[in-house]
């Protein structure tokens, strides 16, 4: 664990998220805060826009603790609005722009959102049409108000773009209301421990949970900025989706705390990202395996000069991440390994800049000040010694307030001593660094042996012609479960299943070899670049239901009877 940090004067210490733009404007004034395309906002410009939208929300009747949903792709308005909502003490609910009508309706209804701000299109997606479907039948109530069956508590909708949603207000008209308002926005009667956000998890096992977070994460971001050596000279590139805590905590809040400039991308594109890094002299980036894998491929192809890039946070630890992290050190920049989850306000570990190559590439960082981590046997609940694989438990001041409207899930996740059960498998190394391995449900138990899918996936991706791999468990009457590999391959030079199996000969224990291989066009991914393994498990289950378990691409490999 890191020792307690003495915060330097060049990093803002703040108790309320909504106050951060104003404090940053006082400190950084005309320094560039945000660049999007060809437009640049100074810290003063940014704070002014936040106050303007805060007045708009107040004039629209939004009060402290009301819930305001924001359904926008990465854009300046999304950042302005997140701060503005919290500036007046309301709860902001950033929604995933990949949602379809059922997902959207569920989140709006479950959160009890009374106000929604969205846009009509995001890329090729017609969000306006999706919203219409999500709202369901619309009826009129007294004084011309509308009731949306799919989101009955929703009172007002504001849309960027020409919308067909009945009762919606156009963005420019909404914004104009704030231009006519005057007066200082008073700090609302809230405490730092009061909720600030509801972040919906991108879980693949049933309905997403609403993670209720308070303002405590500001300290976490402040400490992390100090450990990473962030200063006003830094430029961060934001391509992670702003409806996830990773982008909010690392890219947005850390920038405001230290006066760094932020360059915003609507969507991630590796080649465009590299060119923006070169153009704006970006010094800090963040991401998962998928982002860095694409960046590495694009850099090998384009060989773009990016000497300004000094560091990156990388959610590393798994075997596949280790291989990519090693390449990132050589081709892009040194990394700070990290581990986090939405329920803990994002990243709770970080490796300092002087970490060894092993710590940066094979570990997942040291616990930040105020964060405790232990590894527990999920069957006995006993705390395991260093080096033993078990479930990661975390106790921290940043822990979620609770799962919104789900006391049973909250009680199941947090024990009587305040430890949060992450559901992740990992180990604590001898040097104190955590190593994340996989979601615990993704770990395989083959004939009583623990098997990390990432180890198999790493080997699979070394086979010529294999572009991506994912391994999940399949029930087996003798061995409990066996690994099954899903492979995305090159159009030309695709390896045969026999070649895949022969590649493993003499490299790993027999129980780690996939029982069969299934070739697919693409792996299902979350917006943050994680493989949705639950969908792959369902695919296997559906095959059995339909009597299709003997696929032409599947090979029985000896020990599977």
Protein backbone atom coordinates (compact mmCIF):
# COMPACT_ATOMS: atom_id res chain seq x y z
CA UNK A 1 0.00 0.00 0.00
CA UNK A 2 1.21 3.51 -0.73
CA UNK A 3 2.18 5.68 2.21
CA UNK A 4 -0.07 8.64 2.93
CA UNK A 5 0.43 11.35 0.33
CA UNK A 6 1.11 14.99 1.06
CA UNK A 7 -0.87 16.81 -1.61
CA UNK A 8 1.10 19.50 -3.41
CA UNK A 9 -0.28 22.96 -4.04
CA UNK A 10 -0.54 22.33 -7.78
CA UNK A 11 -3.37 19.79 -7.26
CA UNK A 12 -6.81 21.00 -6.22
CA UNK A 13 -8.39 19.45 -3.14
CA UNK A 14 -12.18 19.55 -3.39
CA UNK A 15 -15.11 18.03 -1.46
CA UNK A 16 -17.91 18.37 -4.05
CA UNK A 17 -17.65 17.31 -7.68
CA UNK A 18 -19.88 20.16 -8.83
CA UNK A 19 -17.48 22.74 -7.30
CA UNK A 20 -14.46 21.50 -9.26
CA UNK A 21 -14.92 23.56 -12.48
CA UNK A 22 -15.23 26.82 -10.53
CA UNK A 23 -12.16 26.06 -8.42
CA UNK A 24 -10.22 25.03 -11.53
CA UNK A 25 -11.23 28.26 -13.27
CA UNK A 26 -9.91 30.31 -10.33
CA UNK A 27 -6.64 28.38 -10.41
CA UNK A 28 -6.12 27.83 -14.15
CA UNK A 29 -8.22 30.62 -15.71
CA UNK A 30 -7.40 30.89 -19.47
CA UNK A 31 -5.46 27.64 -19.70
CA UNK A 32 -7.01 25.24 -22.22
CA UNK A 33 -9.31 22.82 -20.41
CA UNK A 34 -11.01 20.99 -23.27
CA UNK A 35 -10.44 20.58 -27.00
CA UNK A 36 -13.02 18.96 -29.25
CA UNK A 37 -12.36 19.12 -32.97
CA UNK A 38 -11.22 22.64 -33.70
CA UNK A 39 -12.93 24.24 -30.69
CA UNK A 40 -11.15 24.95 -27.42
CA UNK A 41 -12.65 25.86 -24.02
CA UNK A 42 -10.48 27.48 -21.36
CA UNK A 43 -11.06 26.58 -17.72
CA UNK A 44 -12.95 29.84 -17.36
CA UNK A 45 -15.07 29.08 -20.45
CA UNK A 46 -15.81 25.62 -19.11
CA UNK A 47 -16.86 26.88 -15.68
CA UNK A 48 -19.07 29.55 -17.26
CA UNK A 49 -20.86 26.92 -19.36
CA UNK A 50 -21.36 24.67 -16.32
CA UNK A 51 -22.94 27.54 -14.38
CA UNK A 52 -25.14 28.40 -17.35
CA UNK A 53 -26.49 24.85 -17.61
CA UNK A 54 -26.88 24.64 -13.82
CA UNK A 55 -29.21 27.67 -14.04
CA UNK A 56 -31.09 26.03 -16.92
CA UNK A 57 -31.68 22.95 -14.80
CA UNK A 58 -32.78 25.00 -11.80
CA UNK A 59 -35.21 27.03 -13.92
CA UNK A 60 -36.58 23.73 -15.26
CA UNK A 61 -37.40 22.75 -11.67
CA UNK A 62 -34.56 20.29 -10.97
CA UNK A 63 -33.89 20.17 -7.26
CA UNK A 64 -31.25 18.57 -5.00
CA UNK A 65 -31.38 14.75 -5.08
CA UNK A 66 -33.54 14.70 -8.24
CA UNK A 67 -32.18 12.26 -10.82
CA UNK A 68 -31.10 13.58 -14.21
CA UNK A 69 -30.29 11.08 -16.96
CA UNK A 70 -27.79 12.11 -19.64
CA UNK A 71 -27.79 9.97 -22.81
CA UNK A 72 -25.05 11.40 -25.02
CA UNK A 73 -21.93 10.14 -26.80
CA UNK A 74 -18.60 11.70 -25.89
CA UNK A 75 -19.05 15.43 -26.48
CA UNK A 76 -18.37 18.68 -24.58
CA UNK A 77 -22.06 18.96 -23.59
CA UNK A 78 -21.84 15.67 -21.71
CA UNK A 79 -18.96 16.94 -19.57
CA UNK A 80 -20.65 20.30 -18.96
CA UNK A 81 -23.88 18.59 -17.94
CA UNK A 82 -22.33 16.08 -15.55
CA UNK A 83 -20.76 18.89 -13.56
CA UNK A 84 -23.85 21.11 -13.84
CA UNK A 85 -26.20 18.45 -12.48
CA UNK A 86 -23.96 17.86 -9.46
CA UNK A 87 -23.41 21.63 -9.09
CA UNK A 88 -27.05 21.96 -8.00
CA UNK A 89 -27.01 18.82 -5.85
CA UNK A 90 -28.92 16.52 -8.21
CA UNK A 91 -27.77 13.02 -9.18
CA UNK A 92 -26.37 12.54 -12.68
CA UNK A 93 -27.04 9.26 -14.47
CA UNK A 94 -24.78 8.84 -17.53
CA UNK A 95 -26.40 6.28 -19.83
CA UNK A 96 -24.72 3.99 -22.34
CA UNK A 97 -25.34 5.12 -25.93
CA UNK A 98 -25.29 1.46 -27.02
CA UNK A 99 -28.53 0.92 -25.12
CA UNK A 100 -31.52 -0.23 -27.11
CA UNK A 101 -35.11 0.47 -26.12
CA UNK A 102 -35.46 -2.17 -23.38
CA UNK A 103 -32.13 -1.24 -21.77
CA UNK A 104 -32.98 2.44 -21.86
CA UNK A 105 -36.49 2.02 -20.53
CA UNK A 106 -35.19 -0.11 -17.66
CA UNK A 107 -32.51 2.41 -16.64
CA UNK A 108 -34.90 5.37 -16.81
CA UNK A 109 -37.61 3.58 -14.86
CA UNK A 110 -35.32 1.94 -12.32
CA UNK A 111 -33.44 5.16 -11.56
CA UNK A 112 -36.63 7.19 -11.26
CA UNK A 113 -35.17 9.82 -13.57
CA UNK A 114 -37.34 12.92 -13.81
CA UNK A 115 -35.25 14.71 -16.43
CA UNK A 116 -33.51 13.35 -19.55
CA UNK A 117 -31.05 15.10 -21.85
CA UNK A 118 -30.16 13.21 -25.00
CA UNK A 119 -29.42 13.58 -28.68
CA UNK A 120 -31.06 12.27 -31.82
CA UNK A 121 -28.04 10.49 -33.31
CA UNK A 122 -24.72 8.98 -32.17
CA UNK A 123 -22.69 7.82 -35.14
CA UNK A 124 -25.01 5.63 -37.20
CA UNK A 125 -27.36 4.96 -34.29
CA UNK A 126 -30.76 6.67 -34.37
CA UNK A 127 -31.10 7.41 -30.66
CA UNK A 128 -34.30 9.35 -31.24
CA UNK A 129 -36.04 6.25 -32.58
CA UNK A 130 -34.69 4.12 -29.73
CA UNK A 131 -35.95 6.64 -27.19
CA UNK A 132 -39.41 6.68 -28.78
CA UNK A 133 -39.61 2.89 -28.42
CA UNK A 134 -38.29 3.04 -24.85
CA UNK A 135 -40.89 5.59 -23.75
CA UNK A 136 -43.75 3.38 -24.92
CA UNK A 137 -47.36 4.59 -25.07
CA UNK A 138 -47.75 8.28 -24.23
CA UNK A 139 -50.82 9.71 -22.54
CA UNK A 140 -51.79 13.26 -21.64
CA UNK A 141 -52.42 14.38 -18.09
CA UNK A 142 -53.77 17.66 -16.71
CA UNK A 143 -52.31 20.98 -17.95
CA UNK A 144 -50.83 19.37 -21.04
CA UNK A 145 -48.29 17.18 -19.26
CA UNK A 146 -47.33 13.83 -20.75
CA UNK A 147 -46.97 10.45 -19.09
CA UNK A 148 -44.51 8.01 -20.69
CA UNK A 149 -45.45 4.42 -19.91
CA UNK A 150 -41.84 3.25 -20.27
CA UNK A 151 -40.53 5.91 -17.87
CA UNK A 152 -43.48 7.09 -15.78
CA UNK A 153 -41.48 9.44 -13.52
CA UNK A 154 -39.90 11.28 -16.45
CA UNK A 155 -41.24 14.84 -16.58
CA UNK A 156 -38.97 16.66 -19.04
CA UNK A 157 -36.88 15.71 -22.06
CA UNK A 158 -34.29 17.89 -23.81
CA UNK A 159 -32.81 16.73 -27.11
CA UNK A 160 -29.83 17.87 -29.15
CA UNK A 161 -31.00 17.67 -32.76
CA UNK A 162 -34.40 17.64 -34.39
CA UNK A 163 -36.40 15.16 -32.33
CA UNK A 164 -39.73 13.45 -32.97
CA UNK A 165 -40.23 12.63 -29.28
CA UNK A 166 -43.49 14.23 -28.10
CA UNK A 167 -42.98 16.81 -25.37
CA UNK A 168 -39.22 17.14 -25.90
CA UNK A 169 -37.49 20.52 -25.86
CA UNK A 170 -34.76 21.51 -28.29
CA UNK A 171 -31.28 21.98 -26.78
CA UNK A 172 -30.77 25.57 -27.93
CA UNK A 173 -34.13 26.62 -26.45
CA UNK A 174 -33.25 24.92 -23.17
CA UNK A 175 -29.84 26.59 -23.06
CA UNK A 176 -31.35 30.01 -23.79
CA UNK A 177 -33.28 29.90 -20.51
CA UNK A 178 -29.99 30.04 -18.64
CA UNK A 179 -28.79 33.08 -20.57
CA UNK A 180 -31.64 35.16 -19.15
CA UNK A 181 -31.10 33.99 -15.56
CA UNK A 182 -28.91 35.85 -13.14
CA UNK A 183 -27.56 35.37 -9.65
CA UNK A 184 -25.00 33.18 -7.95
CA UNK A 185 -25.78 29.48 -7.69
CA UNK A 186 -25.80 28.64 -4.01
CA UNK A 187 -24.21 25.42 -2.83
CA UNK A 188 -27.06 22.97 -2.24
CA UNK A 189 -27.66 21.46 1.22
CA UNK A 190 -25.66 18.31 0.57
CA UNK A 191 -22.75 16.57 2.27
CA UNK A 192 -19.76 14.85 0.62
CA UNK A 193 -21.24 11.53 1.75
CA UNK A 194 -24.48 12.21 -0.14
CA UNK A 195 -24.96 10.46 -3.50
CA UNK A 196 -23.73 12.21 -6.63
CA UNK A 197 -24.09 9.64 -9.43
CA UNK A 198 -25.79 6.43 -10.43
CA UNK A 199 -23.57 4.44 -12.76
CA UNK A 200 -25.18 1.44 -14.45
CA UNK A 201 -22.90 -1.54 -14.76
CA UNK A 202 -22.44 -3.13 -18.16
CA UNK A 203 -23.03 -6.58 -16.72
CA UNK A 204 -24.06 -9.41 -19.00
CA UNK A 205 -25.84 -11.56 -16.43
CA UNK A 206 -29.33 -10.14 -16.24
CA UNK A 207 -30.28 -6.54 -15.54
CA UNK A 208 -27.51 -4.02 -14.88
CA UNK A 209 -27.17 -2.72 -11.34
CA UNK A 210 -27.35 0.97 -10.50
CA UNK A 211 -24.18 1.77 -8.54
CA UNK A 212 -24.82 4.70 -6.21
CA UNK A 213 -21.64 6.75 -5.71
CA UNK A 214 -20.98 9.79 -3.52
CA UNK A 215 -18.32 12.53 -3.74
CA UNK A 216 -15.64 10.49 -1.94
CA UNK A 217 -13.98 9.52 -5.21
CA UNK A 218 -12.51 13.02 -5.49
CA UNK A 219 -9.85 12.09 -2.96
CA UNK A 220 -9.09 8.90 -4.88
CA UNK A 221 -8.61 10.89 -8.11
CA UNK A 222 -6.48 13.48 -6.32
CA UNK A 223 -4.16 10.84 -4.84
CA UNK A 224 -3.88 9.06 -8.19
CA UNK A 225 -3.01 12.28 -10.01
CA UNK A 226 -0.20 12.82 -7.51
CA UNK A 227 1.13 9.27 -7.86
CA UNK A 228 1.09 9.52 -11.66
CA UNK A 229 2.91 12.85 -11.50
CA UNK A 230 0.14 14.80 -13.23
CA UNK A 231 0.76 18.54 -13.71
CA UNK A 232 -0.68 21.47 -15.64
CA UNK A 233 1.81 20.66 -18.42
CA UNK A 234 0.04 17.37 -19.18
CA UNK A 235 -2.42 16.78 -22.01
CA UNK A 236 -4.83 13.85 -21.72
CA UNK A 237 -6.61 12.16 -24.61
CA UNK A 238 -10.15 11.08 -23.72
CA UNK A 239 -11.51 8.30 -25.91
CA UNK A 240 -12.93 6.07 -23.19
CA UNK A 241 -16.74 6.44 -22.99
CA UNK A 242 -17.81 9.13 -20.54
CA UNK A 243 -20.72 7.04 -19.30
CA UNK A 244 -18.18 4.88 -17.42
CA UNK A 245 -16.31 5.77 -14.25
CA UNK A 246 -12.89 5.06 -15.81
CA UNK A 247 -13.12 8.06 -18.14
CA UNK A 248 -14.78 10.28 -15.53
CA UNK A 249 -12.24 9.55 -12.81
CA UNK A 250 -9.03 9.43 -14.81
CA UNK A 251 -9.52 11.65 -17.86
CA UNK A 252 -11.94 14.31 -16.63
CA UNK A 253 -11.57 14.80 -12.88
CA UNK A 254 -7.79 14.30 -12.78
CA UNK A 255 -7.38 16.90 -15.54
CA UNK A 256 -9.40 19.48 -13.61
CA UNK A 257 -7.52 18.78 -10.39
CA UNK A 258 -4.08 19.49 -11.85
CA UNK A 259 -4.91 21.92 -14.68
CA UNK A 260 -4.10 19.49 -17.48
CA UNK A 261 -5.61 19.98 -20.92
CA UNK A 262 -8.04 17.39 -22.22
CA UNK A 263 -8.50 16.40 -25.87
CA UNK A 264 -11.85 14.67 -26.41
CA UNK A 265 -12.74 12.03 -29.03
CA UNK A 266 -16.34 11.04 -29.76
CA UNK A 267 -15.38 7.41 -30.36
CA UNK A 268 -12.14 5.48 -30.17
CA UNK A 269 -10.20 5.02 -33.38
CA UNK A 270 -6.58 3.98 -32.98
CA UNK A 271 -5.09 5.78 -35.97
CA UNK A 272 -7.02 8.99 -35.24
CA UNK A 273 -5.95 8.74 -31.61
CA UNK A 274 -2.29 8.53 -32.58
CA UNK A 275 -2.63 11.53 -34.88
CA UNK A 276 -4.31 13.53 -32.11
CA UNK A 277 -1.50 12.54 -29.73
CA UNK A 278 0.97 13.90 -32.26
CA UNK A 279 -0.99 17.08 -33.07
CA UNK A 280 -1.79 18.11 -29.48
CA UNK A 281 1.36 16.69 -27.86
CA UNK A 282 -0.73 14.39 -25.65
CA UNK A 283 1.23 13.06 -22.68
CA UNK A 284 -1.24 10.73 -20.89
CA UNK A 285 -3.70 8.11 -22.13
CA UNK A 286 -5.75 5.34 -20.50
CA UNK A 287 -7.32 2.07 -21.55
CA UNK A 288 -7.89 -1.66 -21.60
CA UNK A 289 -6.27 -4.41 -23.65
CA UNK A 290 -8.43 -3.74 -26.71
CA UNK A 291 -7.42 -0.07 -26.87
CA UNK A 292 -3.71 -0.72 -26.53
CA UNK A 293 -3.82 -3.65 -28.94
CA UNK A 294 -5.39 -1.41 -31.59
CA UNK A 295 -2.95 1.43 -30.82
CA UNK A 296 -0.01 -0.94 -31.20
CA UNK A 297 -1.30 -2.23 -34.54
CA UNK A 298 -1.91 1.28 -35.83
CA UNK A 299 1.51 2.47 -34.68
CA UNK A 300 3.26 -0.43 -36.38
CA UNK A 301 1.42 0.39 -39.61
CA UNK A 302 1.69 4.19 -39.50
CA UNK A 303 4.87 4.78 -37.44
CA UNK A 304 3.62 8.15 -36.18
CA UNK A 305 6.06 10.23 -34.14
CA UNK A 306 4.61 10.60 -30.62
CA UNK A 307 7.50 11.63 -28.34
CA UNK A 308 5.17 13.63 -26.07
CA UNK A 309 3.48 10.49 -24.69
CA UNK A 310 5.00 9.95 -21.24
CA UNK A 311 2.67 7.51 -19.46
CA UNK A 312 -0.59 5.56 -19.59
CA UNK A 313 -2.80 3.80 -17.09
CA UNK A 314 -3.39 0.22 -18.19
CA UNK A 315 -5.81 -2.21 -16.56
CA UNK A 316 -3.26 -5.03 -16.59
CA UNK A 317 -2.55 -8.24 -14.70
CA UNK A 318 -4.11 -10.96 -16.80
CA UNK A 319 -1.91 -13.05 -19.06
CA UNK A 320 -3.17 -11.49 -22.28
CA UNK A 321 -2.77 -8.00 -20.83
CA UNK A 322 0.80 -8.82 -19.77
CA UNK A 323 1.86 -9.61 -23.33
CA UNK A 324 0.34 -6.39 -24.65
CA UNK A 325 1.73 -4.31 -21.76
CA UNK A 326 5.27 -5.43 -22.57
CA UNK A 327 4.86 -4.21 -26.14
CA UNK A 328 3.36 -0.90 -24.98
CA UNK A 329 6.54 -0.14 -22.97
CA UNK A 330 8.65 -0.61 -26.10
CA UNK A 331 6.46 1.03 -28.73
CA UNK A 332 4.29 3.64 -26.96
CA UNK A 333 5.31 4.63 -23.41
CA UNK A 334 5.80 3.34 -19.84
CA UNK A 335 2.54 2.39 -18.15
CA UNK A 336 1.05 2.55 -14.68
CA UNK A 337 -0.77 -0.72 -14.04
CA UNK A 338 -4.13 -0.38 -12.34
CA UNK A 339 -7.19 -2.25 -11.15
CA UNK A 340 -10.62 -0.88 -10.40
CA UNK A 341 -14.34 -1.36 -10.53
CA UNK A 342 -17.36 0.90 -10.70
CA UNK A 343 -18.42 0.04 -7.14
CA UNK A 344 -15.15 1.47 -5.80
CA UNK A 345 -15.17 4.68 -7.85
CA UNK A 346 -12.92 3.20 -10.52
CA UNK A 347 -9.22 2.57 -10.11
CA UNK A 348 -8.17 1.78 -6.54
CA UNK A 349 -4.62 0.59 -7.33
CA UNK A 350 -1.83 2.17 -9.31
CA UNK A 351 1.83 1.36 -9.88
CA UNK A 352 4.10 4.38 -9.31
CA UNK A 353 6.39 5.61 -12.11
CA UNK A 354 9.48 3.95 -10.58
CA UNK A 355 7.90 0.48 -10.68
CA UNK A 356 9.82 -2.38 -12.26
CA UNK A 357 8.93 -3.82 -15.65
CA UNK A 358 7.37 -6.83 -13.91
CA UNK A 359 5.25 -4.62 -11.66
CA UNK A 360 4.03 -2.54 -14.62
CA UNK A 361 3.27 -5.47 -16.92
CA UNK A 362 2.49 -8.45 -14.67
CA UNK A 363 0.88 -6.71 -11.71
CA UNK A 364 -2.18 -4.52 -11.28
CA UNK A 365 -0.71 -1.88 -8.99
CA UNK A 366 -0.43 -1.04 -5.31
CA UNK A 367 -3.46 -0.13 -3.22
CA UNK A 368 -3.93 3.62 -2.98
CA UNK A 369 -3.95 5.31 0.47
CA UNK A 370 -7.14 4.47 2.37
CA UNK A 371 -7.74 1.31 0.33
CA UNK A 372 -7.37 -2.19 1.83
CA UNK A 373 -7.16 -5.33 -0.28
CA UNK A 374 -7.20 -8.98 0.73
CA UNK A 375 -7.52 -12.29 -1.10
CA UNK A 376 -10.17 -14.68 0.21
CA UNK A 377 -11.07 -18.30 -0.45
CA UNK A 378 -14.66 -17.95 -1.74
CA UNK A 379 -15.63 -21.36 -0.37
CA UNK A 380 -14.25 -21.04 3.18
CA UNK A 381 -14.13 -17.21 3.49
CA UNK A 382 -10.62 -17.60 4.88
CA UNK A 383 -8.00 -14.97 4.06
CA UNK A 384 -5.33 -16.48 1.82
CA UNK A 385 -1.55 -15.91 2.05
CA UNK A 386 0.51 -14.02 -0.53
CA UNK A 387 0.70 -15.73 -3.89
CA UNK A 388 -2.52 -17.74 -3.49
CA UNK A 389 -5.37 -17.33 -5.99
CA UNK A 390 -8.70 -16.26 -4.50
CA UNK A 391 -11.41 -13.62 -4.65
CA UNK A 392 -10.35 -9.98 -4.35
CA UNK A 393 -12.03 -8.20 -1.42
CA UNK A 394 -11.74 -4.42 -0.99
CA UNK A 395 -12.47 -2.08 1.90
CA UNK A 396 -12.30 1.61 1.15
CA UNK A 397 -13.81 5.04 1.84
CA UNK A 398 -14.73 5.08 -1.88
CA UNK A 399 -17.08 2.10 -1.64
CA UNK A 400 -20.49 2.50 -3.23
CA UNK A 401 -23.32 3.86 -1.10
CA UNK A 402 -25.27 0.84 -2.31
CA UNK A 403 -26.93 -0.69 -5.32
CA UNK A 404 -29.81 1.62 -6.04
CA UNK A 405 -33.19 0.14 -5.06
CA UNK A 406 -31.54 -3.25 -4.49
CA UNK A 407 -30.82 -3.82 -0.77
CA UNK A 408 -30.48 -7.57 -1.27
CA UNK A 409 -27.68 -7.16 -3.82
CA UNK A 410 -26.00 -4.60 -1.55
CA UNK A 411 -26.13 -6.93 1.44
CA UNK A 412 -24.77 -9.82 -0.63
CA UNK A 413 -21.81 -7.74 -1.84
CA UNK A 414 -20.71 -6.14 1.46
CA UNK A 415 -19.95 -8.09 4.61
CA UNK A 416 -20.43 -6.97 8.21
CA UNK A 417 -16.89 -5.53 8.38
CA UNK A 418 -17.34 -3.42 5.28
CA UNK A 419 -15.41 -5.63 2.85
CA UNK A 420 -16.73 -5.58 -0.70
CA UNK A 421 -16.74 -8.89 -2.55
CA UNK A 422 -15.56 -7.97 -6.04
CA UNK A 423 -16.25 -11.26 -7.79
CA UNK A 424 -12.76 -10.98 -9.32
CA UNK A 425 -9.99 -13.54 -9.02
CA UNK A 426 -6.51 -12.38 -8.15
CA UNK A 427 -3.41 -12.73 -6.01
CA UNK A 428 -1.33 -10.43 -3.81
CA UNK A 429 2.30 -10.65 -4.88
CA UNK A 430 5.26 -10.76 -2.51
CA UNK A 431 6.04 -7.13 -3.44
CA UNK A 432 2.57 -6.00 -2.34
CA UNK A 433 1.23 -5.47 -5.84
CA UNK A 434 -2.18 -6.88 -6.63
CA UNK A 435 -2.53 -9.06 -9.70
CA UNK A 436 -5.99 -9.29 -11.25
CA UNK A 437 -6.52 -12.54 -13.14
CA UNK A 438 -10.14 -12.69 -14.30
CA UNK A 439 -13.71 -12.43 -13.19
CA UNK A 440 -14.10 -15.26 -10.68
CA UNK A 441 -16.94 -16.73 -12.69
CA UNK A 442 -14.57 -16.78 -15.69
CA UNK A 443 -11.98 -18.88 -13.83
CA UNK A 444 -12.19 -22.52 -14.79
CA UNK A 445 -12.10 -25.54 -12.50
CA UNK A 446 -10.82 -28.39 -14.67
CA UNK A 447 -10.63 -31.66 -12.76
CA UNK A 448 -10.06 -29.74 -9.55
CA UNK A 449 -7.35 -27.50 -11.04
CA UNK A 450 -7.70 -23.68 -11.23
CA UNK A 451 -7.20 -22.47 -14.78
CA UNK A 452 -7.04 -18.80 -15.78
CA UNK A 453 -8.59 -18.38 -19.25
CA UNK A 454 -6.21 -15.51 -20.00
CA UNK A 455 -3.25 -17.90 -19.93
CA UNK A 456 -4.83 -20.03 -22.65
CA UNK A 457 -5.96 -16.95 -24.61
CA UNK A 458 -2.41 -15.60 -24.59
CA UNK A 459 -1.11 -18.80 -26.19
CA UNK A 460 -3.93 -18.89 -28.71
CA UNK A 461 -3.14 -15.34 -29.86
CA UNK A 462 0.45 -16.40 -30.59
CA UNK A 463 -0.72 -18.85 -33.25
CA UNK A 464 -0.21 -17.41 -36.76
CA UNK A 465 -3.55 -16.35 -38.21
CA UNK A 466 -5.33 -15.95 -34.86
CA UNK A 467 -6.43 -12.34 -34.36
CA UNK A 468 -8.46 -12.66 -31.14
CA UNK A 469 -9.37 -15.40 -28.69
CA UNK A 470 -11.71 -15.96 -25.76
CA UNK A 471 -11.90 -19.04 -23.56
CA UNK A 472 -14.90 -20.07 -21.46
CA UNK A 473 -15.82 -23.16 -19.51
CA UNK A 474 -18.15 -25.89 -20.70
CA UNK A 475 -19.68 -28.44 -18.35
CA UNK A 476 -18.10 -31.89 -18.43
CA UNK A 477 -19.39 -34.91 -16.52
CA UNK A 478 -15.91 -36.15 -15.60
CA UNK A 479 -13.78 -33.02 -15.20
CA UNK A 480 -16.52 -30.64 -13.96
CA UNK A 481 -15.74 -28.28 -16.82
CA UNK A 482 -13.33 -27.99 -19.73
CA UNK A 483 -12.03 -24.98 -21.69
CA UNK A 484 -13.57 -24.09 -25.04
CA UNK A 485 -11.86 -21.57 -27.32
CA UNK A 486 -13.62 -19.04 -29.54
CA UNK A 487 -11.27 -17.74 -32.22
CA UNK A 488 -11.36 -14.81 -34.63
CA UNK A 489 -8.90 -15.51 -37.44
CA UNK A 490 -7.45 -13.80 -40.48
CA UNK A 491 -9.36 -14.26 -43.72
CA UNK A 492 -6.32 -15.88 -45.28
CA UNK A 493 -4.09 -18.35 -43.52
CA UNK A 494 -6.65 -19.45 -40.94
CA UNK A 495 -5.22 -22.28 -38.83
CA UNK A 496 -7.10 -25.55 -38.67
CA UNK A 497 -8.41 -26.86 -35.39
CA UNK A 498 -5.74 -29.58 -35.54
CA UNK A 499 -3.04 -26.91 -35.85
CA UNK A 500 -4.45 -25.08 -32.86
CA UNK A 501 -4.33 -28.18 -30.68
CA UNK A 502 -0.86 -29.20 -31.83
CA UNK A 503 0.46 -25.77 -30.90
CA UNK A 504 -0.21 -26.56 -27.23
CA UNK A 505 1.80 -29.80 -27.24
CA UNK A 506 4.56 -29.60 -24.65
CA UNK A 507 3.74 -26.00 -23.68
CA UNK A 508 1.09 -26.34 -20.96
CA UNK A 509 -0.47 -29.02 -18.78
CA UNK A 510 -2.93 -31.21 -20.63
CA UNK A 511 -5.93 -29.96 -18.61
CA UNK A 512 -5.34 -26.43 -19.93
CA UNK A 513 -5.71 -27.41 -23.59
CA UNK A 514 -9.10 -26.39 -25.09
CA UNK A 515 -11.45 -29.29 -25.56
CA UNK A 516 -12.67 -27.76 -28.79
CA UNK A 517 -12.34 -24.70 -30.98
CA UNK A 518 -15.15 -22.60 -32.42
CA UNK A 519 -14.34 -20.11 -35.18
CA UNK A 520 -16.39 -16.89 -35.10
CA UNK A 521 -16.40 -13.68 -37.13
CA UNK A 522 -16.11 -11.45 -34.04
CA UNK A 523 -16.19 -11.61 -30.25
CA UNK A 524 -19.02 -9.81 -28.44
CA UNK A 525 -17.55 -6.75 -26.69
CA UNK A 526 -18.64 -4.19 -24.11
CA UNK A 527 -18.12 -0.46 -24.86
CA UNK A 528 -14.95 -0.54 -22.76
CA UNK A 529 -13.41 -3.28 -24.85
CA UNK A 530 -14.07 -6.31 -22.63
CA UNK A 531 -15.23 -9.61 -24.09
CA UNK A 532 -18.77 -10.48 -23.01
CA UNK A 533 -18.05 -14.04 -22.01
CA UNK A 534 -21.52 -14.63 -20.66
CA UNK A 535 -22.80 -14.38 -24.25
CA UNK A 536 -20.28 -17.03 -25.31
CA UNK A 537 -21.43 -19.30 -22.49
CA UNK A 538 -25.02 -18.83 -23.62
CA UNK A 539 -23.97 -19.78 -27.14
CA UNK A 540 -22.63 -23.08 -25.81
CA UNK A 541 -25.78 -23.67 -23.78
CA UNK A 542 -27.97 -22.96 -26.81
CA UNK A 543 -26.00 -25.48 -28.86
CA UNK A 544 -26.80 -28.19 -26.33
CA UNK A 545 -30.43 -27.20 -26.19
CA UNK A 546 -30.61 -27.45 -29.96
CA UNK A 547 -28.61 -30.67 -30.14
CA UNK A 548 -25.74 -29.00 -31.98
CA UNK A 549 -22.92 -29.85 -29.63
CA UNK A 550 -21.04 -31.79 -32.32
CA UNK A 551 -19.99 -28.86 -34.50
CA UNK A 552 -17.89 -29.25 -37.62
CA UNK A 553 -15.33 -26.93 -36.03
CA UNK A 554 -15.18 -28.83 -32.75
CA UNK A 555 -12.64 -31.54 -32.10
CA UNK A 556 -12.74 -33.98 -29.23
CA UNK A 557 -9.30 -33.82 -27.63
CA UNK A 558 -8.65 -37.09 -25.88
CA UNK A 559 -9.36 -36.46 -22.23
CA UNK A 560 -12.92 -35.22 -22.86
CA UNK A 561 -15.08 -38.36 -22.71
